[in-house]
Amino acid sequence: MLYDYIFYFFLYAFLGWCMEVVYAAVQKRKLVNRGLLNGMLCPVYGFSMVFLLVFFQGLKGSPFFLFLACITVTSVFEWVTGMLLEKILGQRCWDYSGYRDHIGTYICLRFSVVWAVAASVVLEFIHPLAESLFHSLPVLLGRILEAALLALLAVDALATGAALGRMKLENSQLKEIARGLRRASGALDNAITRRVEGRMRKVFPTAEEAQEEQERKKREQEAKRRIFAYGCGVHKLIWLFFLGALLGDLVETVFCLVTTGRLMSRSSVVYGPFSIVWGAGIAGFTLLLHRYQEKKDMALFFLGTVLGGIYEYICSVFTELVFGTVFWDYSDIPFNLGGRINLLYCFFWGIAAVVWMKVLYPKVSAWIERIPMGVGRALSCVFVVFMAVNMVISGMALGRYSQRAEGVSARNRLEEILDERFDDGRMERIYPNAIRK
């Protein structure tokens, strides 16, 4: 299976590069290598198509839902890639600010629709041909070809990384030289500029006010640097993940108690009341939507409904593939899609997005930022270590839970300990709705 996806990655990365080159040739009337790498690959196309193949092949035959999945996945990949490249290169590789339907200048509705239509066509019609072509190759030849392509990609990535590193170093050296020249010129013209500035302040008092405003802004920036988890950085997301996982579990527990009359565990992990789906969802939604807090409620509702549905679908497929377990099944609820999501709960995601971004997030964010810097950073490390260990142990316990259902005995001391500590009775209490496959 892994070999298949490696082949598809290179195939669609190459096809994406071809599409970019053709588009650039039409726009600029000349051939341009549109990829960051030297080779004929655009990895973002390869990764996004492999992601769609892993999680959304079950939507083939449902054009509307497949299109929704494609437009969401391709847009998110384009947004993340644009943001990362800007941080790495120090400049934007593309900018949609000239289009009225852009979102954050990284993505644009008209282009997102084009990519989604293209991805849908590929999944429905082109991929079956690619699949038959790959499976017709001799196995040994396919493995050799993939190994050679991976080696070339690694060399290309290292060479590109080295080139970018040299460019940054050269830029920093040039900046240092420029700073030196400015200091030298400053020493030379200080006597002149002081007299001119004094005269200008007398004639134009607002110039002094402007300078005071600049100083005030500098002081504000310095103050912000001393605030723990200011903005939407790593520490803020860690805290939102942890708090979201805790609150999400409590919300689901109360919801089940009200609707079914049963008090049952809704936790994703074996230690503590934490829902990983909710934690990752709140952190991810905040990262994607915090810049659009001022958008109209309906726009946030629509984004939350679509993103929430796609996210829940991915989580359902992921847990089934990795753990062989289905944690929820909506087959008995109207307007469901393969039992993985349903329209009603997608609307809940939309409502949650509006309530979170408009009401709760500003208050939670302000509360987190009041935590002392040292305490906040220490607790962030504790949260990460605790949740990482918790998730690893939970994954191993779920793996043994599925293996025991298949009659597979413990093969080593670790599996024996897992069987003792997390027997079927305990696992059924933690995951009462889990269906082993």
Protein backbone atom coordinates (compact mmCIF):
# COMPACT_ATOMS: atom_id res chain seq x y z
CA MET A 1 0.00 0.00 0.00
CA LEU A 2 2.79 2.45 0.90
CA TYR A 3 4.55 1.75 -2.42
CA ASP A 4 1.34 2.57 -4.25
CA TYR A 5 1.06 5.98 -2.60
CA ILE A 6 4.72 6.79 -3.27
CA PHE A 7 4.08 6.18 -6.96
CA TYR A 8 0.92 8.30 -6.91
CA PHE A 9 2.74 11.10 -5.09
CA PHE A 10 5.35 11.38 -7.85
CA LEU A 11 2.78 11.00 -10.61
CA TYR A 12 0.50 13.79 -9.37
CA ALA A 13 3.39 16.02 -8.30
CA PHE A 14 4.66 15.77 -11.90
CA LEU A 15 1.21 16.36 -13.41
CA GLY A 16 0.74 19.37 -11.11
CA TRP A 17 4.10 20.75 -12.23
CA CYS A 18 3.05 20.32 -15.88
CA MET A 19 -0.20 22.18 -15.21
CA GLU A 20 1.66 25.04 -13.49
CA VAL A 21 4.19 25.30 -16.35
CA VAL A 22 1.42 25.40 -18.96
CA TYR A 23 -0.47 28.06 -16.98
CA ALA A 24 2.69 30.18 -16.63
CA ALA A 25 3.49 29.75 -20.34
CA VAL A 26 0.03 31.03 -21.28
CA GLN A 27 0.31 33.97 -18.86
CA LYS A 28 3.92 35.02 -19.50
CA ARG A 29 4.46 33.67 -23.04
CA LYS A 30 7.54 31.72 -21.95
CA LEU A 31 8.47 28.49 -20.16
CA VAL A 32 9.08 28.93 -16.43
CA ASN A 33 9.85 26.29 -13.78
CA ARG A 34 7.01 27.01 -11.35
CA GLY A 35 8.23 24.57 -8.70
CA LEU A 36 10.38 25.44 -5.70
CA LEU A 37 12.53 22.39 -6.45
CA ASN A 38 14.87 22.04 -9.42
CA GLY A 39 13.14 18.89 -10.66
CA MET A 40 9.86 18.65 -12.51
CA LEU A 41 7.75 18.27 -9.36
CA CYS A 42 5.30 20.36 -7.35
CA PRO A 43 5.07 18.34 -4.10
CA VAL A 44 1.93 20.12 -2.87
CA TYR A 45 -0.07 18.47 -5.67
CA GLY A 46 1.37 15.07 -4.80
CA PHE A 47 0.63 15.41 -1.10
CA SER A 48 -2.89 16.74 -1.59
CA MET A 49 -3.84 14.00 -4.05
CA VAL A 50 -2.42 11.26 -1.82
CA PHE A 51 -4.37 12.75 1.10
CA LEU A 52 -7.57 12.66 -0.97
CA LEU A 53 -6.87 9.08 -2.05
CA VAL A 54 -6.32 7.90 1.53
CA PHE A 55 -9.34 9.56 3.09
CA PHE A 56 -11.92 10.25 0.38
CA GLN A 57 -11.89 7.40 -2.13
CA GLY A 58 -15.15 6.29 -0.53
CA LEU A 59 -16.81 9.40 -1.99
CA LYS A 60 -16.27 8.34 -5.59
CA GLY A 61 -19.66 8.13 -7.21
CA SER A 62 -20.95 11.04 -5.08
CA PRO A 63 -19.88 14.05 -7.19
CA PHE A 64 -21.20 16.76 -4.85
CA PHE A 65 -19.55 15.43 -1.69
CA LEU A 66 -16.37 14.57 -3.58
CA PHE A 67 -16.22 18.15 -4.87
CA LEU A 68 -16.69 19.53 -1.34
CA ALA A 69 -13.87 17.31 -0.07
CA CYS A 70 -11.59 18.32 -2.94
CA ILE A 71 -12.19 22.06 -2.62
CA THR A 72 -11.61 21.93 1.13
CA VAL A 73 -8.46 19.78 1.02
CA THR A 74 -6.83 21.59 -1.91
CA SER A 75 -7.60 25.00 -0.38
CA VAL A 76 -6.15 24.04 3.00
CA PHE A 77 -3.03 22.58 1.38
CA GLU A 78 -2.58 25.72 -0.73
CA TRP A 79 -3.09 27.96 2.31
CA VAL A 80 -0.63 26.03 4.49
CA THR A 81 1.95 25.80 1.68
CA GLY A 82 1.72 29.52 0.92
CA MET A 83 2.14 30.42 4.59
CA LEU A 84 5.12 28.07 5.08
CA LEU A 85 6.88 29.24 1.92
CA GLU A 86 6.45 32.85 3.00
CA LYS A 87 8.07 32.07 6.36
CA ILE A 88 10.91 30.11 4.71
CA LEU A 89 11.62 32.46 1.80
CA GLY A 90 10.62 35.73 3.41
CA GLN A 91 8.32 36.57 0.49
CA ARG A 92 5.07 35.34 -1.03
CA CYS A 93 5.26 32.89 -3.94
CA TRP A 94 1.72 33.84 -4.97
CA ASP A 95 -0.66 36.57 -3.90
CA TYR A 96 -4.39 36.66 -4.65
CA SER A 97 -4.96 40.09 -3.10
CA GLY A 98 -5.83 41.43 -6.56
CA TYR A 99 -8.90 39.15 -6.68
CA ARG A 100 -12.05 40.14 -4.83
CA ASP A 101 -12.86 36.55 -3.81
CA HIS A 102 -9.52 35.86 -2.10
CA ILE A 103 -9.27 34.53 1.47
CA GLY A 104 -6.22 35.80 3.31
CA THR A 105 -4.49 36.38 -0.06
CA TYR A 106 -3.19 32.79 0.06
CA ILE A 107 -6.22 31.21 -1.61
CA CYS A 108 -8.83 32.43 -4.06
CA LEU A 109 -12.31 30.99 -4.61
CA ARG A 110 -12.11 30.83 -8.42
CA PHE A 111 -8.80 28.97 -8.39
CA SER A 112 -9.94 26.72 -5.54
CA VAL A 113 -12.93 25.73 -7.67
CA VAL A 114 -10.62 24.96 -10.60
CA TRP A 115 -8.33 22.79 -8.43
CA ALA A 116 -11.35 21.02 -6.91
CA VAL A 117 -12.88 20.24 -10.32
CA ALA A 118 -9.51 18.99 -11.57
CA ALA A 119 -8.99 16.81 -8.47
CA SER A 120 -12.52 15.38 -8.78
CA VAL A 121 -11.94 14.50 -12.44
CA VAL A 122 -8.62 12.88 -11.56
CA LEU A 123 -10.16 10.77 -8.78
CA GLU A 124 -13.14 9.68 -10.84
CA PHE A 125 -11.55 9.06 -14.25
CA ILE A 126 -7.76 9.41 -14.37
CA HIS A 127 -6.74 7.64 -11.16
CA PRO A 128 -8.26 4.27 -12.13
CA LEU A 129 -6.06 4.36 -15.26
CA ALA A 130 -3.02 5.32 -13.19
CA GLU A 131 -3.80 2.52 -10.76
CA SER A 132 -4.02 -0.09 -13.52
CA LEU A 133 -0.79 1.25 -15.06
CA PHE A 134 1.09 0.97 -11.77
CA HIS A 135 -0.17 -2.53 -11.06
CA SER A 136 0.83 -3.64 -14.56
CA LEU A 137 4.49 -2.81 -13.83
CA PRO A 138 6.74 -5.64 -12.60
CA VAL A 139 7.03 -5.33 -8.82
CA LEU A 140 10.84 -5.18 -8.81
CA LEU A 141 10.91 -2.53 -11.53
CA GLY A 142 8.36 -0.43 -9.64
CA ARG A 143 10.39 -0.62 -6.40
CA ILE A 144 13.64 0.33 -8.18
CA LEU A 145 11.93 3.23 -9.95
CA GLU A 146 10.43 4.54 -6.69
CA ALA A 147 13.76 4.21 -4.84
CA ALA A 148 15.53 6.17 -7.60
CA LEU A 149 12.85 8.89 -7.56
CA LEU A 150 13.01 9.18 -3.76
CA ALA A 151 16.81 9.49 -3.89
CA LEU A 152 16.59 12.21 -6.56
CA LEU A 153 13.92 14.04 -4.56
CA ALA A 154 16.10 13.92 -1.41
CA VAL A 155 19.12 15.29 -3.29
CA ASP A 156 16.98 17.99 -4.91
CA ALA A 157 15.45 18.98 -1.54
CA LEU A 158 18.89 19.16 0.12
CA ALA A 159 20.30 21.25 -2.74
CA THR A 160 17.31 23.60 -2.63
CA GLY A 161 17.55 23.89 1.16
CA ALA A 162 21.28 24.69 0.92
CA ALA A 163 20.62 27.33 -1.74
CA LEU A 164 17.90 28.93 0.40
CA GLY A 165 20.26 28.89 3.38
CA ARG A 166 22.98 30.64 1.40
CA MET A 167 20.49 33.23 0.15
CA LYS A 168 19.37 33.98 3.71
CA LEU A 169 23.00 34.22 4.87
CA GLU A 170 23.87 36.56 2.02
CA ASN A 171 20.81 38.66 2.77
CA SER A 172 21.75 38.87 6.45
CA GLN A 173 25.33 39.86 5.53
CA LEU A 174 24.04 42.52 3.15
CA LYS A 175 21.74 43.82 5.87
CA GLU A 176 24.67 44.00 8.30
CA ILE A 177 26.73 45.95 5.75
CA ALA A 178 23.76 48.29 5.19
CA ARG A 179 23.43 48.83 8.94
CA GLY A 180 27.15 49.68 9.13
CA LEU A 181 26.83 52.18 6.31
CA ARG A 182 23.82 53.76 7.98
CA ARG A 183 25.75 54.12 11.25
CA ALA A 184 28.67 55.72 9.41
CA SER A 185 26.44 58.11 7.49
CA GLY A 186 24.52 58.87 10.68
CA ALA A 187 27.68 59.92 12.48
CA LEU A 188 28.54 62.15 9.54
CA ASP A 189 25.29 64.00 9.18
CA ASN A 190 24.13 64.15 12.81
CA ALA A 191 25.32 67.72 13.21
CA ILE A 192 23.33 68.83 10.16
CA THR A 193 20.21 66.79 10.81
CA ARG A 194 19.93 67.91 14.44
CA ARG A 195 19.70 71.55 13.35
CA VAL A 196 17.17 70.71 10.62
CA GLU A 197 15.07 68.55 12.92
CA GLY A 198 15.03 71.30 15.56
CA ARG A 199 13.78 73.83 13.00
CA MET A 200 11.16 71.35 11.64
CA ARG A 201 9.80 70.68 15.11
CA LYS A 202 9.26 74.40 15.63
CA VAL A 203 7.55 74.81 12.27
CA PHE A 204 5.68 71.49 12.26
CA PRO A 205 4.88 70.31 15.81
CA THR A 206 3.09 67.24 14.33
CA ALA A 207 6.44 65.78 13.30
CA GLU A 208 7.32 65.42 16.98
CA GLU A 209 3.92 63.87 17.61
CA ALA A 210 4.53 61.39 14.81
CA GLN A 211 7.84 60.42 16.39
CA GLU A 212 6.13 59.97 19.76
CA GLU A 213 3.53 57.76 18.06
CA GLN A 214 6.29 55.59 16.60
CA GLU A 215 7.89 55.29 20.04
CA ARG A 216 4.54 54.35 21.54
CA LYS A 217 4.07 51.60 18.95
CA LYS A 218 7.55 50.27 19.71
CA ARG A 219 6.72 50.13 23.42
CA GLU A 220 3.49 48.26 22.62
CA GLN A 221 5.42 45.72 20.55
CA GLU A 222 7.86 45.20 23.41
CA ALA A 223 4.98 44.75 25.83
CA LYS A 224 3.36 42.17 23.54
CA ARG A 225 6.58 40.16 23.51
CA ARG A 226 6.33 39.86 27.28
CA ILE A 227 2.76 38.48 27.10
CA PHE A 228 2.51 34.68 27.25
CA ALA A 229 1.01 33.05 24.14
CA TYR A 230 0.24 36.38 22.48
CA GLY A 231 -1.54 36.06 19.12
CA CYS A 232 -2.07 32.58 17.73
CA GLY A 233 1.34 30.96 18.17
CA VAL A 234 2.46 27.51 19.28
CA HIS A 235 1.79 28.00 23.01
CA LYS A 236 -1.70 29.37 22.37
CA LEU A 237 -2.53 26.37 20.15
CA ILE A 238 -1.19 23.89 22.76
CA TRP A 239 -3.44 25.38 25.42
CA LEU A 240 -6.43 25.50 23.07
CA PHE A 241 -5.88 21.84 22.16
CA PHE A 242 -5.74 20.77 25.79
CA LEU A 243 -8.71 22.89 26.93
CA GLY A 244 -10.69 21.97 23.81
CA ALA A 245 -10.11 18.25 24.39
CA LEU A 246 -11.32 18.58 27.99
CA LEU A 247 -14.34 20.77 27.26
CA GLY A 248 -15.29 18.74 24.17
CA ASP A 249 -15.40 15.55 26.21
CA LEU A 250 -17.58 17.22 28.86
CA VAL A 251 -19.95 18.66 26.22
CA GLU A 252 -20.37 15.28 24.53
CA THR A 253 -20.90 13.54 27.87
CA VAL A 254 -23.67 15.99 28.84
CA PHE A 255 -25.21 15.76 25.35
CA CYS A 256 -25.36 11.95 25.55
CA LEU A 257 -26.80 12.10 29.06
CA VAL A 258 -29.56 14.49 27.94
CA THR A 259 -30.42 12.66 24.69
CA THR A 260 -30.01 9.02 25.76
CA GLY A 261 -30.30 9.15 29.55
CA ARG A 262 -26.96 7.30 29.82
CA LEU A 263 -23.78 8.56 31.44
CA MET A 264 -21.02 7.21 29.21
CA SER A 265 -17.41 7.97 28.49
CA ARG A 266 -16.72 10.06 25.40
CA SER A 267 -12.95 10.16 25.84
CA SER A 268 -10.48 9.44 23.03
CA VAL A 269 -7.69 8.38 25.40
CA VAL A 270 -7.34 5.95 28.28
CA TYR A 271 -6.23 8.53 30.85
CA GLY A 272 -8.53 11.45 31.57
CA PRO A 273 -11.67 12.94 29.98
CA PHE A 274 -10.11 14.23 26.76
CA SER A 275 -11.55 14.16 23.25
CA ILE A 276 -8.68 14.41 20.76
CA VAL A 277 -11.12 15.13 17.93
CA TRP A 278 -12.44 18.20 19.74
CA GLY A 279 -9.00 19.36 20.88
CA ALA A 280 -7.46 19.14 17.42
CA GLY A 281 -10.61 20.60 15.89
CA ILE A 282 -10.64 23.69 18.12
CA ALA A 283 -6.90 24.29 17.67
CA GLY A 284 -7.13 23.75 13.90
CA PHE A 285 -10.26 25.88 13.49
CA THR A 286 -8.67 28.70 15.47
CA LEU A 287 -5.50 28.57 13.39
CA LEU A 288 -7.50 28.71 10.15
CA LEU A 289 -10.22 31.15 11.18
CA HIS A 290 -8.76 33.54 13.77
CA ARG A 291 -7.93 36.07 11.05
CA TYR A 292 -11.57 36.08 9.97
CA GLN A 293 -13.20 36.78 13.33
CA GLU A 294 -14.77 39.91 11.91
CA LYS A 295 -16.46 38.03 9.07
CA LYS A 296 -20.24 37.80 9.10
CA ASP A 297 -21.79 35.02 11.19
CA MET A 298 -23.18 33.29 8.10
CA ALA A 299 -19.73 33.08 6.49
CA LEU A 300 -18.25 31.55 9.65
CA PHE A 301 -21.21 29.17 9.90
CA PHE A 302 -20.68 27.98 6.33
CA LEU A 303 -16.92 27.55 6.81
CA GLY A 304 -17.47 25.72 10.10
CA THR A 305 -20.08 23.40 8.60
CA VAL A 306 -17.91 22.39 5.64
CA LEU A 307 -14.59 22.22 7.49
CA GLY A 308 -16.17 20.41 10.44
CA GLY A 309 -17.80 17.82 8.21
CA ILE A 310 -14.59 17.19 6.29
CA TYR A 311 -12.59 17.02 9.52
CA GLU A 312 -14.97 14.54 11.16
CA TYR A 313 -14.97 12.39 8.03
CA ILE A 314 -11.15 12.32 8.02
CA CYS A 315 -11.07 11.38 11.72
CA SER A 316 -13.51 8.54 11.10
CA VAL A 317 -11.45 7.11 8.23
CA PHE A 318 -8.18 7.59 10.14
CA THR A 319 -9.30 5.74 13.28
CA GLU A 320 -10.70 2.90 11.20
CA LEU A 321 -7.51 2.56 9.14
CA VAL A 322 -5.10 2.85 12.07
CA PHE A 323 -6.97 1.15 14.92
CA GLY A 324 -9.45 -1.03 13.03
CA THR A 325 -12.18 0.52 15.18
CA VAL A 326 -15.22 2.66 14.36
CA PHE A 327 -15.86 5.13 17.19
CA TRP A 328 -19.13 6.53 15.82
CA ASP A 329 -21.67 5.42 13.25
CA TYR A 330 -24.44 7.75 12.05
CA SER A 331 -26.06 5.24 9.70
CA ASP A 332 -29.38 5.51 11.56
CA ILE A 333 -29.47 9.33 11.30
CA PRO A 334 -30.98 10.92 8.15
CA PHE A 335 -28.72 12.66 5.62
CA ASN A 336 -25.60 10.76 6.67
CA LEU A 337 -22.61 10.06 4.45
CA GLY A 338 -21.39 6.49 4.85
CA GLY A 339 -22.28 6.63 8.53
CA ARG A 340 -19.21 8.84 9.10
CA ILE A 341 -20.90 12.25 9.16
CA ASN A 342 -24.43 13.59 8.99
CA LEU A 343 -25.93 16.94 8.08
CA LEU A 344 -27.28 17.71 11.56
CA TYR A 345 -23.90 17.33 13.25
CA CYS A 346 -22.23 19.28 10.44
CA PHE A 347 -24.58 22.14 11.32
CA PHE A 348 -23.43 21.75 14.93
CA TRP A 349 -19.86 22.30 13.72
CA GLY A 350 -21.02 25.46 11.95
CA ILE A 351 -22.79 26.78 15.05
CA ALA A 352 -19.77 25.87 17.17
CA ALA A 353 -17.48 27.82 14.81
CA VAL A 354 -19.60 30.97 15.17
CA VAL A 355 -19.96 30.68 18.96
CA TRP A 356 -16.28 29.86 19.41
CA MET A 357 -14.81 32.59 17.19
CA LYS A 358 -17.30 35.34 18.13
CA VAL A 359 -17.94 34.69 21.83
CA LEU A 360 -15.67 32.16 23.52
CA TYR A 361 -12.28 32.45 21.81
CA PRO A 362 -11.69 36.16 22.62
CA LYS A 363 -12.37 35.45 26.33
CA VAL A 364 -10.35 32.21 26.47
CA SER A 365 -7.50 33.84 24.56
CA ALA A 366 -7.42 36.80 26.95
CA TRP A 367 -7.43 34.43 29.95
CA ILE A 368 -4.51 32.39 28.55
CA GLU A 369 -2.50 35.55 27.87
CA ARG A 370 -2.82 36.56 31.55
CA ILE A 371 -0.84 33.49 32.63
CA PRO A 372 2.75 34.31 33.74
CA MET A 373 5.31 33.56 31.05
CA GLY A 374 7.34 31.01 33.04
CA VAL A 375 4.31 29.15 34.37
CA GLY A 376 2.64 29.09 30.95
CA ARG A 377 5.65 27.68 29.13
CA ALA A 378 6.27 25.05 31.81
CA LEU A 379 2.64 23.92 31.68
CA SER A 380 2.76 23.83 27.86
CA CYS A 381 5.62 21.32 28.08
CA VAL A 382 3.70 19.26 30.66
CA PHE A 383 0.57 19.24 28.45
CA VAL A 384 2.54 18.12 25.38
CA VAL A 385 4.40 15.31 27.18
CA PHE A 386 1.30 14.09 29.02
CA MET A 387 -0.92 14.06 25.94
CA ALA A 388 1.75 12.49 23.72
CA VAL A 389 2.31 9.63 26.20
CA ASN A 390 -1.45 9.30 26.71
CA MET A 391 -2.10 9.04 22.96
CA VAL A 392 0.70 6.50 22.41
CA ILE A 393 -0.55 4.24 25.23
CA SER A 394 -4.14 4.65 24.01
CA GLY A 395 -3.10 3.69 20.48
CA MET A 396 -1.32 0.55 21.70
CA ALA A 397 -4.28 -0.38 23.94
CA LEU A 398 -6.71 0.02 21.03
CA GLY A 399 -4.44 -2.06 18.82
CA ARG A 400 -4.49 -4.91 21.34
CA TYR A 401 -8.24 -4.46 21.78
CA SER A 402 -8.74 -5.13 18.06
CA GLN A 403 -6.22 -7.99 18.03
CA ARG A 404 -7.94 -9.74 20.92
CA ALA A 405 -11.20 -9.56 18.99
CA GLU A 406 -9.44 -11.41 16.16
CA GLY A 407 -8.09 -14.04 18.56
CA VAL A 408 -4.46 -12.86 18.42
CA SER A 409 -2.61 -13.74 21.63
CA ALA A 410 -0.03 -11.51 23.31
CA ARG A 411 3.40 -12.05 21.70
CA ASN A 412 5.64 -10.21 24.18
CA ARG A 413 5.72 -8.77 27.69
CA LEU A 414 4.47 -5.34 26.55
CA GLU A 415 1.35 -6.83 24.98
CA GLU A 416 0.77 -8.91 28.13
CA ILE A 417 0.90 -5.73 30.24
CA LEU A 418 -1.54 -4.03 27.86
CA ASP A 419 -3.91 -7.01 28.15
CA GLU A 420 -3.69 -6.85 31.96
CA ARG A 421 -4.09 -3.09 32.34
CA PHE A 422 -6.57 -2.53 29.51
CA ASP A 423 -8.75 -5.62 29.33
CA ASP A 424 -11.95 -5.75 27.27
CA GLY A 425 -14.10 -4.61 30.19
CA ARG A 426 -12.06 -1.45 30.77
CA MET A 427 -11.84 -0.67 27.04
CA GLU A 428 -15.61 -1.05 26.66
CA ARG A 429 -16.15 1.42 29.51
CA ILE A 430 -13.76 3.95 27.92
CA TYR A 431 -15.04 3.40 24.36
CA PRO A 432 -18.67 2.25 24.76
CA ASN A 433 -19.59 3.01 21.13
CA ALA A 434 -16.50 1.50 19.53
CA ILE A 435 -17.17 -1.12 16.85
CA ARG A 436 -14.23 -3.43 16.19
CA LYS A 437 -13.70 -4.48 12.58
